[in-house]
Amino acid sequence: MHQIIHAIVDAQSRDDALGVARGSVFDRLVGATVDSSATFDYYVTFNEEGTHIAGKGRWGELPIAARLDADEGCELLKRGWNSTKVEFERNLTVVRDALASLSDEEIMNDNDFIRHRCRRLGAHAGPSVYLYDSSGHGIRTFEDFVWAYKDLNEPWIVPADVHY
């Protein structure tokens, strides 16, 4: 499966933002750094040419990176937040319905993949999270966003196509 995730980073230029996002966020999320484990299989950023099944080839043109205070940046942020919120609400509905209808034994046995859904509901990274701070930590609430954003001098947002 594929999705677009977004990294919010501090940088002085578009190229710097892309470099920071790749090194501090996306590489960590695919387990390419010493201190990380793979959450996603791989990623493709939107500066990469010649990809027909990922990045631009899959999703069309998106900014390579955008200032968070520019229209493009606001659109990427809105897209990421809306996706996070929709995925949370979808998982929450499934969990609530399953908890109301399944027995304790059925839940323990992971009927209807309820334990998997609970894990996704509480996930800090992975397919349920579409926004990340500059350390590769998922932004799951408005407070997470404020915490990540408040110390940035020049905030940028960088999208990437990820596979899981």
N, C-alpha and C. Protein backbone atom coordinates (compact mmCIF):
# COMPACT_ATOMS: atom_id res chain seq x y z
N MET A 1 0.84 -1.17 0.00
CA MET A 1 0.00 0.00 0.00
C MET A 1 0.89 1.24 0.00
N HIS A 2 0.38 2.30 -0.55
CA HIS A 2 1.10 3.56 -0.64
C HIS A 2 0.29 4.68 0.01
N GLN A 3 0.99 5.67 0.50
CA GLN A 3 0.35 6.89 0.99
C GLN A 3 1.36 8.02 0.94
N ILE A 4 0.88 9.22 1.07
CA ILE A 4 1.77 10.38 1.14
C ILE A 4 1.85 10.81 2.60
N ILE A 5 3.08 10.91 3.10
CA ILE A 5 3.31 11.46 4.43
C ILE A 5 4.03 12.79 4.27
N HIS A 6 4.10 13.56 5.35
CA HIS A 6 4.68 14.90 5.30
C HIS A 6 5.59 15.13 6.51
N ALA A 7 6.74 15.71 6.27
CA ALA A 7 7.68 16.05 7.34
C ALA A 7 7.69 17.57 7.51
N ILE A 8 7.59 18.03 8.73
CA ILE A 8 7.69 19.46 9.04
C ILE A 8 9.08 19.68 9.63
N VAL A 9 9.88 20.48 8.91
CA VAL A 9 11.29 20.66 9.28
C VAL A 9 11.66 22.13 9.28
N ASP A 10 12.80 22.43 9.89
CA ASP A 10 13.36 23.77 9.94
C ASP A 10 14.49 23.84 8.92
N ALA A 11 14.42 24.78 7.99
CA ALA A 11 15.45 24.88 6.95
C ALA A 11 15.44 26.28 6.35
N GLN A 12 16.54 26.63 5.70
CA GLN A 12 16.66 27.95 5.10
C GLN A 12 16.28 27.98 3.63
N SER A 13 16.22 26.80 2.98
CA SER A 13 15.87 26.75 1.56
C SER A 13 15.13 25.46 1.27
N ARG A 14 14.57 25.39 0.07
CA ARG A 14 13.85 24.19 -0.35
C ARG A 14 14.78 22.97 -0.35
N ASP A 15 15.98 23.15 -0.88
CA ASP A 15 16.94 22.04 -0.93
C ASP A 15 17.35 21.58 0.47
N ASP A 16 17.55 22.55 1.37
CA ASP A 16 17.88 22.20 2.75
C ASP A 16 16.72 21.45 3.41
N ALA A 17 15.49 21.90 3.15
CA ALA A 17 14.31 21.25 3.73
C ALA A 17 14.22 19.80 3.24
N LEU A 18 14.46 19.58 1.96
CA LEU A 18 14.43 18.23 1.42
C LEU A 18 15.51 17.37 2.07
N GLY A 19 16.70 17.91 2.21
CA GLY A 19 17.80 17.16 2.84
C GLY A 19 17.52 16.81 4.28
N VAL A 20 16.99 17.76 5.03
CA VAL A 20 16.66 17.51 6.44
C VAL A 20 15.55 16.46 6.54
N ALA A 21 14.52 16.61 5.71
CA ALA A 21 13.41 15.66 5.75
C ALA A 21 13.89 14.25 5.40
N ARG A 22 14.73 14.14 4.39
CA ARG A 22 15.24 12.82 4.00
C ARG A 22 16.08 12.21 5.13
N GLY A 23 17.03 12.97 5.66
CA GLY A 23 17.96 12.45 6.65
C GLY A 23 17.39 12.27 8.04
N SER A 24 16.54 13.19 8.46
CA SER A 24 16.04 13.15 9.84
C SER A 24 14.69 12.47 9.99
N VAL A 25 13.93 12.41 8.92
CA VAL A 25 12.58 11.86 9.04
C VAL A 25 12.41 10.61 8.18
N PHE A 26 12.46 10.77 6.87
CA PHE A 26 12.12 9.66 5.98
C PHE A 26 13.09 8.49 6.11
N ASP A 27 14.40 8.77 6.17
CA ASP A 27 15.37 7.68 6.34
C ASP A 27 15.11 6.92 7.64
N ARG A 28 14.77 7.64 8.71
CA ARG A 28 14.47 6.99 9.99
C ARG A 28 13.23 6.09 9.87
N LEU A 29 12.23 6.55 9.14
CA LEU A 29 10.98 5.80 9.03
C LEU A 29 11.09 4.54 8.18
N VAL A 30 12.16 4.45 7.38
CA VAL A 30 12.38 3.22 6.60
C VAL A 30 13.53 2.39 7.18
N GLY A 31 14.02 2.78 8.35
CA GLY A 31 15.06 2.02 9.02
C GLY A 31 16.44 2.17 8.41
N ALA A 32 16.69 3.27 7.73
CA ALA A 32 17.98 3.47 7.05
C ALA A 32 19.03 4.12 7.95
N THR A 33 18.67 4.45 9.18
CA THR A 33 19.64 5.01 10.11
C THR A 33 19.91 4.01 11.22
N VAL A 34 21.05 4.15 11.86
CA VAL A 34 21.48 3.21 12.90
C VAL A 34 20.48 3.13 14.04
N ASP A 35 19.89 4.25 14.40
CA ASP A 35 19.02 4.30 15.58
C ASP A 35 17.53 4.18 15.25
N SER A 36 17.20 3.52 14.14
CA SER A 36 15.80 3.45 13.75
C SER A 36 15.42 2.04 13.30
N SER A 37 14.13 1.82 13.26
CA SER A 37 13.61 0.58 12.70
C SER A 37 12.58 0.94 11.63
N ALA A 38 12.36 0.03 10.73
CA ALA A 38 11.50 0.32 9.58
C ALA A 38 10.03 0.34 9.96
N THR A 39 9.41 1.47 9.69
CA THR A 39 7.96 1.62 9.80
C THR A 39 7.34 1.46 8.42
N PHE A 40 8.04 1.98 7.41
CA PHE A 40 7.64 1.85 6.01
C PHE A 40 8.73 1.09 5.26
N ASP A 41 8.37 0.53 4.10
CA ASP A 41 9.34 -0.23 3.30
C ASP A 41 10.32 0.69 2.56
N TYR A 42 9.80 1.73 1.94
CA TYR A 42 10.64 2.69 1.21
C TYR A 42 9.87 3.98 1.01
N TYR A 43 10.60 5.01 0.57
CA TYR A 43 9.96 6.28 0.27
C TYR A 43 10.52 6.85 -1.02
N VAL A 44 9.75 7.72 -1.65
CA VAL A 44 10.17 8.46 -2.84
C VAL A 44 9.73 9.90 -2.63
N THR A 45 10.67 10.83 -2.76
CA THR A 45 10.32 12.24 -2.65
C THR A 45 9.94 12.78 -4.03
N PHE A 46 9.37 13.96 -4.06
CA PHE A 46 8.80 14.48 -5.30
C PHE A 46 9.80 15.23 -6.18
N ASN A 47 11.08 15.11 -5.86
CA ASN A 47 12.12 15.65 -6.74
C ASN A 47 12.69 14.56 -7.64
N GLU A 48 12.33 13.32 -7.37
CA GLU A 48 12.90 12.20 -8.10
C GLU A 48 12.21 12.04 -9.45
N GLU A 49 13.02 12.03 -10.49
CA GLU A 49 12.53 11.88 -11.86
C GLU A 49 12.57 10.42 -12.28
N GLY A 50 11.78 10.07 -13.25
CA GLY A 50 11.84 8.74 -13.83
C GLY A 50 11.16 7.66 -13.04
N THR A 51 10.43 8.01 -12.01
CA THR A 51 9.69 6.99 -11.27
C THR A 51 8.27 6.95 -11.83
N HIS A 52 7.87 5.78 -12.30
CA HIS A 52 6.55 5.66 -12.92
C HIS A 52 5.51 5.07 -11.97
N ILE A 53 5.98 4.44 -10.89
CA ILE A 53 5.03 3.79 -9.99
C ILE A 53 5.05 4.39 -8.59
N ALA A 54 5.81 5.46 -8.39
CA ALA A 54 5.87 6.10 -7.07
C ALA A 54 6.10 7.58 -7.26
N GLY A 55 5.90 8.35 -6.20
CA GLY A 55 6.12 9.79 -6.26
C GLY A 55 5.22 10.43 -7.30
N LYS A 56 5.82 11.23 -8.20
CA LYS A 56 5.05 11.91 -9.25
C LYS A 56 4.29 10.93 -10.14
N GLY A 57 4.92 9.78 -10.41
CA GLY A 57 4.28 8.79 -11.27
C GLY A 57 2.99 8.25 -10.69
N ARG A 58 2.87 8.23 -9.39
CA ARG A 58 1.66 7.72 -8.73
C ARG A 58 0.69 8.85 -8.39
N TRP A 59 1.21 9.96 -7.88
CA TRP A 59 0.35 11.00 -7.31
C TRP A 59 0.27 12.27 -8.13
N GLY A 60 1.11 12.41 -9.15
CA GLY A 60 1.14 13.65 -9.92
C GLY A 60 2.08 14.66 -9.27
N GLU A 61 2.01 15.87 -9.74
CA GLU A 61 2.92 16.93 -9.27
C GLU A 61 2.53 17.39 -7.87
N LEU A 62 3.50 17.38 -6.99
CA LEU A 62 3.39 17.99 -5.66
C LEU A 62 4.67 18.77 -5.44
N PRO A 63 4.64 19.77 -4.59
CA PRO A 63 5.87 20.51 -4.32
C PRO A 63 6.94 19.59 -3.74
N ILE A 64 8.18 19.84 -4.07
CA ILE A 64 9.29 19.11 -3.48
C ILE A 64 9.35 19.43 -1.99
N ALA A 65 9.16 20.69 -1.69
CA ALA A 65 9.07 21.20 -0.31
C ALA A 65 8.41 22.57 -0.42
N ALA A 66 7.70 22.96 0.63
CA ALA A 66 7.03 24.26 0.61
C ALA A 66 7.14 24.90 1.98
N ARG A 67 7.30 26.21 1.96
CA ARG A 67 7.27 26.95 3.23
C ARG A 67 5.90 26.73 3.86
N LEU A 68 5.90 26.53 5.14
CA LEU A 68 4.64 26.24 5.82
C LEU A 68 3.69 27.43 5.82
N ASP A 69 4.24 28.63 5.68
CA ASP A 69 3.38 29.82 5.66
C ASP A 69 2.95 30.21 4.25
N ALA A 70 3.32 29.44 3.23
CA ALA A 70 2.89 29.69 1.85
C ALA A 70 1.64 28.87 1.55
N ASP A 71 0.92 29.24 0.50
CA ASP A 71 -0.30 28.52 0.13
C ASP A 71 -0.04 27.03 -0.10
N GLU A 72 1.04 26.70 -0.82
CA GLU A 72 1.37 25.30 -1.08
C GLU A 72 1.61 24.55 0.23
N GLY A 73 2.32 25.20 1.15
CA GLY A 73 2.60 24.57 2.44
C GLY A 73 1.34 24.36 3.25
N CYS A 74 0.48 25.35 3.25
CA CYS A 74 -0.80 25.22 3.97
C CYS A 74 -1.64 24.09 3.39
N GLU A 75 -1.62 23.94 2.07
CA GLU A 75 -2.37 22.86 1.43
C GLU A 75 -1.82 21.49 1.81
N LEU A 76 -0.49 21.36 1.82
CA LEU A 76 0.11 20.09 2.23
C LEU A 76 -0.21 19.78 3.69
N LEU A 77 -0.12 20.78 4.55
CA LEU A 77 -0.44 20.59 5.96
C LEU A 77 -1.91 20.16 6.13
N LYS A 78 -2.79 20.85 5.44
CA LYS A 78 -4.21 20.53 5.50
C LYS A 78 -4.46 19.10 5.01
N ARG A 79 -3.81 18.73 3.92
CA ARG A 79 -3.95 17.37 3.38
C ARG A 79 -3.48 16.33 4.40
N GLY A 80 -2.32 16.56 4.99
CA GLY A 80 -1.77 15.63 5.97
C GLY A 80 -2.64 15.52 7.21
N TRP A 81 -3.10 16.67 7.71
CA TRP A 81 -3.92 16.65 8.92
C TRP A 81 -5.26 15.98 8.64
N ASN A 82 -5.89 16.31 7.52
CA ASN A 82 -7.18 15.69 7.19
C ASN A 82 -7.05 14.17 7.06
N SER A 83 -5.97 13.70 6.43
CA SER A 83 -5.75 12.26 6.30
C SER A 83 -5.56 11.61 7.66
N THR A 84 -4.80 12.25 8.53
CA THR A 84 -4.59 11.73 9.89
C THR A 84 -5.92 11.63 10.62
N LYS A 85 -6.70 12.68 10.53
CA LYS A 85 -7.98 12.72 11.24
C LYS A 85 -8.97 11.68 10.70
N VAL A 86 -9.06 11.55 9.38
CA VAL A 86 -9.96 10.56 8.78
C VAL A 86 -9.56 9.15 9.19
N GLU A 87 -8.25 8.86 9.14
CA GLU A 87 -7.78 7.52 9.52
C GLU A 87 -8.05 7.24 11.00
N PHE A 88 -7.85 8.24 11.86
CA PHE A 88 -8.14 8.07 13.28
C PHE A 88 -9.63 7.77 13.49
N GLU A 89 -10.48 8.56 12.86
CA GLU A 89 -11.92 8.38 13.03
C GLU A 89 -12.38 7.03 12.49
N ARG A 90 -11.81 6.60 11.38
CA ARG A 90 -12.17 5.30 10.80
C ARG A 90 -11.77 4.17 11.75
N ASN A 91 -10.55 4.21 12.26
CA ASN A 91 -10.11 3.19 13.21
C ASN A 91 -10.92 3.23 14.50
N LEU A 92 -11.22 4.42 14.99
CA LEU A 92 -11.99 4.55 16.22
C LEU A 92 -13.38 3.95 16.07
N THR A 93 -14.02 4.19 14.95
CA THR A 93 -15.35 3.61 14.71
C THR A 93 -15.30 2.10 14.71
N VAL A 94 -14.32 1.52 14.03
CA VAL A 94 -14.18 0.07 13.98
C VAL A 94 -13.93 -0.50 15.37
N VAL A 95 -13.06 0.15 16.14
CA VAL A 95 -12.74 -0.32 17.49
C VAL A 95 -13.97 -0.23 18.38
N ARG A 96 -14.67 0.88 18.35
CA ARG A 96 -15.88 1.02 19.19
C ARG A 96 -16.91 -0.05 18.86
N ASP A 97 -17.16 -0.25 17.56
CA ASP A 97 -18.15 -1.25 17.15
C ASP A 97 -17.72 -2.65 17.58
N ALA A 98 -16.45 -2.97 17.40
CA ALA A 98 -15.97 -4.30 17.76
C ALA A 98 -16.01 -4.52 19.26
N LEU A 99 -15.62 -3.54 20.04
CA LEU A 99 -15.65 -3.68 21.50
C LEU A 99 -17.08 -3.88 22.00
N ALA A 100 -18.03 -3.26 21.31
CA ALA A 100 -19.43 -3.40 21.72
C ALA A 100 -20.02 -4.75 21.33
N SER A 101 -19.45 -5.39 20.31
CA SER A 101 -20.07 -6.62 19.81
C SER A 101 -19.28 -7.89 20.06
N LEU A 102 -18.00 -7.80 20.36
CA LEU A 102 -17.17 -8.99 20.55
C LEU A 102 -17.01 -9.32 22.03
N SER A 103 -16.88 -10.60 22.31
CA SER A 103 -16.61 -11.02 23.69
C SER A 103 -15.14 -10.77 24.01
N ASP A 104 -14.80 -10.87 25.28
CA ASP A 104 -13.39 -10.72 25.69
C ASP A 104 -12.51 -11.74 24.98
N GLU A 105 -13.00 -12.96 24.87
CA GLU A 105 -12.23 -14.02 24.21
C GLU A 105 -12.03 -13.70 22.73
N GLU A 106 -13.06 -13.21 22.08
CA GLU A 106 -12.95 -12.85 20.66
C GLU A 106 -11.95 -11.71 20.47
N ILE A 107 -11.97 -10.76 21.39
CA ILE A 107 -11.00 -9.66 21.31
C ILE A 107 -9.60 -10.19 21.52
N MET A 108 -9.44 -11.06 22.53
CA MET A 108 -8.13 -11.64 22.79
C MET A 108 -7.62 -12.43 21.59
N ASN A 109 -8.53 -13.11 20.90
CA ASN A 109 -8.16 -13.90 19.72
C ASN A 109 -8.05 -13.05 18.46
N ASP A 110 -8.20 -11.76 18.61
CA ASP A 110 -8.04 -10.81 17.50
C ASP A 110 -9.06 -11.02 16.38
N ASN A 111 -10.28 -11.44 16.77
CA ASN A 111 -11.35 -11.54 15.78
C ASN A 111 -11.53 -10.18 15.11
N ASP A 112 -11.80 -10.22 13.83
CA ASP A 112 -11.99 -8.99 13.04
C ASP A 112 -10.79 -8.06 13.12
N PHE A 113 -9.63 -8.62 13.46
CA PHE A 113 -8.38 -7.83 13.56
C PHE A 113 -8.49 -6.66 14.53
N ILE A 114 -9.28 -6.84 15.60
CA ILE A 114 -9.52 -5.75 16.54
C ILE A 114 -8.25 -5.31 17.26
N ARG A 115 -7.39 -6.22 17.61
CA ARG A 115 -6.15 -5.82 18.29
C ARG A 115 -5.26 -5.02 17.34
N HIS A 116 -5.25 -5.41 16.10
CA HIS A 116 -4.51 -4.65 15.08
C HIS A 116 -5.08 -3.23 14.97
N ARG A 117 -6.39 -3.12 14.96
CA ARG A 117 -7.04 -1.79 14.89
C ARG A 117 -6.71 -0.95 16.12
N CYS A 118 -6.68 -1.57 17.27
CA CYS A 118 -6.32 -0.84 18.50
C CYS A 118 -4.88 -0.33 18.40
N ARG A 119 -4.00 -1.16 17.88
CA ARG A 119 -2.60 -0.75 17.70
C ARG A 119 -2.50 0.43 16.73
N ARG A 120 -3.25 0.37 15.64
CA ARG A 120 -3.24 1.49 14.68
C ARG A 120 -3.82 2.75 15.30
N LEU A 121 -4.83 2.60 16.13
CA LEU A 121 -5.44 3.74 16.79
C LEU A 121 -4.44 4.47 17.68
N GLY A 122 -3.56 3.72 18.32
CA GLY A 122 -2.58 4.31 19.21
C GLY A 122 -1.20 4.53 18.60
N ALA A 123 -1.05 4.27 17.31
CA ALA A 123 0.26 4.34 16.66
C ALA A 123 0.83 5.76 16.67
N HIS A 124 2.15 5.83 16.84
CA HIS A 124 2.87 7.09 16.78
C HIS A 124 3.55 7.29 15.44
N ALA A 125 3.54 6.26 14.61
CA ALA A 125 4.12 6.30 13.27
C ALA A 125 3.49 5.18 12.46
N GLY A 126 3.62 5.28 11.15
CA GLY A 126 3.10 4.25 10.28
C GLY A 126 1.88 4.68 9.50
N PRO A 127 1.16 3.73 8.94
CA PRO A 127 0.06 4.04 8.02
C PRO A 127 -1.07 4.90 8.60
N SER A 128 -1.18 5.00 9.92
CA SER A 128 -2.23 5.82 10.51
C SER A 128 -1.80 7.26 10.73
N VAL A 129 -0.54 7.57 10.46
CA VAL A 129 0.01 8.90 10.74
C VAL A 129 0.55 9.50 9.44
N TYR A 130 0.14 10.71 9.14
CA TYR A 130 0.49 11.35 7.87
C TYR A 130 1.40 12.57 8.04
N LEU A 131 1.60 13.03 9.26
CA LEU A 131 2.46 14.19 9.54
C LEU A 131 3.52 13.80 10.56
N TYR A 132 4.76 14.28 10.35
CA TYR A 132 5.88 13.96 11.24
C TYR A 132 6.68 15.21 11.56
N ASP A 133 7.23 15.25 12.77
CA ASP A 133 8.11 16.36 13.13
C ASP A 133 9.52 16.07 12.61
N SER A 134 10.43 16.96 12.88
CA SER A 134 11.77 16.85 12.31
C SER A 134 12.60 15.71 12.91
N SER A 135 12.08 15.04 13.93
CA SER A 135 12.75 13.87 14.50
C SER A 135 12.13 12.56 14.02
N GLY A 136 11.11 12.65 13.20
CA GLY A 136 10.43 11.46 12.71
C GLY A 136 9.35 10.95 13.64
N HIS A 137 8.92 11.80 14.58
CA HIS A 137 7.83 11.42 15.48
C HIS A 137 6.50 11.88 14.88
N GLY A 138 5.50 11.03 14.97
CA GLY A 138 4.20 11.34 14.40
C GLY A 138 3.52 12.51 15.08
N ILE A 139 2.88 13.33 14.27
CA ILE A 139 2.04 14.43 14.77
C ILE A 139 0.61 13.91 14.70
N ARG A 140 0.07 13.57 15.88
CA ARG A 140 -1.24 12.94 15.96
C ARG A 140 -2.33 13.84 16.51
N THR A 141 -1.92 14.96 17.13
CA THR A 141 -2.88 15.89 17.72
C THR A 141 -2.45 17.31 17.40
N PHE A 142 -3.33 18.25 17.62
CA PHE A 142 -2.98 19.66 17.42
C PHE A 142 -1.85 20.06 18.35
N GLU A 143 -1.86 19.54 19.56
CA GLU A 143 -0.80 19.85 20.53
C GLU A 143 0.55 19.32 20.04
N ASP A 144 0.56 18.14 19.39
CA ASP A 144 1.80 17.62 18.80
C ASP A 144 2.33 18.59 17.75
N PHE A 145 1.41 19.15 16.95
CA PHE A 145 1.82 20.09 15.91
C PHE A 145 2.41 21.35 16.54
N VAL A 146 1.73 21.90 17.53
CA VAL A 146 2.22 23.12 18.19
C VAL A 146 3.60 22.86 18.79
N TRP A 147 3.75 21.73 19.44
CA TRP A 147 5.03 21.37 20.05
C TRP A 147 6.14 21.31 19.00
N ALA A 148 5.86 20.71 17.85
CA ALA A 148 6.86 20.58 16.78
C ALA A 148 7.14 21.92 16.11
N TYR A 149 6.12 22.74 16.00
CA TYR A 149 6.20 23.99 15.23
C TYR A 149 6.83 25.15 16.00
N LYS A 150 6.63 25.18 17.31
CA LYS A 150 6.97 26.38 18.09
C LYS A 150 8.45 26.75 18.07
N ASP A 151 9.34 25.80 17.91
CA ASP A 151 10.77 26.09 17.95
C ASP A 151 11.40 26.23 16.56
N LEU A 152 10.59 26.20 15.51
CA LEU A 152 11.12 26.30 14.15
C LEU A 152 11.24 27.75 13.72
N ASN A 153 12.41 28.12 13.22
CA ASN A 153 12.61 29.48 12.71
C ASN A 153 12.05 29.64 11.31
N GLU A 154 12.32 28.66 10.45
CA GLU A 154 11.85 28.69 9.07
C GLU A 154 11.21 27.34 8.73
N PRO A 155 9.92 27.18 9.09
CA PRO A 155 9.27 25.89 8.90
C PRO A 155 8.92 25.59 7.44
N TRP A 156 9.24 24.37 7.04
CA TRP A 156 8.92 23.84 5.72
C TRP A 156 8.17 22.53 5.90
N ILE A 157 7.44 22.15 4.88
CA ILE A 157 6.77 20.85 4.87
C ILE A 157 7.19 20.13 3.59
N VAL A 158 7.55 18.86 3.75
CA VAL A 158 8.09 18.07 2.65
C VAL A 158 7.27 16.79 2.52
N PRO A 159 6.67 16.55 1.35
CA PRO A 159 5.90 15.31 1.16
C PRO A 159 6.77 14.18 0.64
N ALA A 160 6.36 12.95 0.93
CA ALA A 160 7.00 11.76 0.39
C ALA A 160 5.96 10.67 0.19
N ASP A 161 6.13 9.92 -0.86
CA ASP A 161 5.31 8.74 -1.12
C ASP A 161 5.97 7.58 -0.41
N VAL A 162 5.24 6.91 0.47
CA VAL A 162 5.80 5.77 1.20
C VAL A 162 5.02 4.50 0.88
N HIS A 163 5.71 3.38 0.99
CA HIS A 163 5.09 2.07 0.80
C HIS A 163 5.17 1.29 2.10
N TYR A 164 4.09 0.59 2.43
CA TYR A 164 4.10 -0.27 3.63
C TYR A 164 3.44 -1.59 3.31
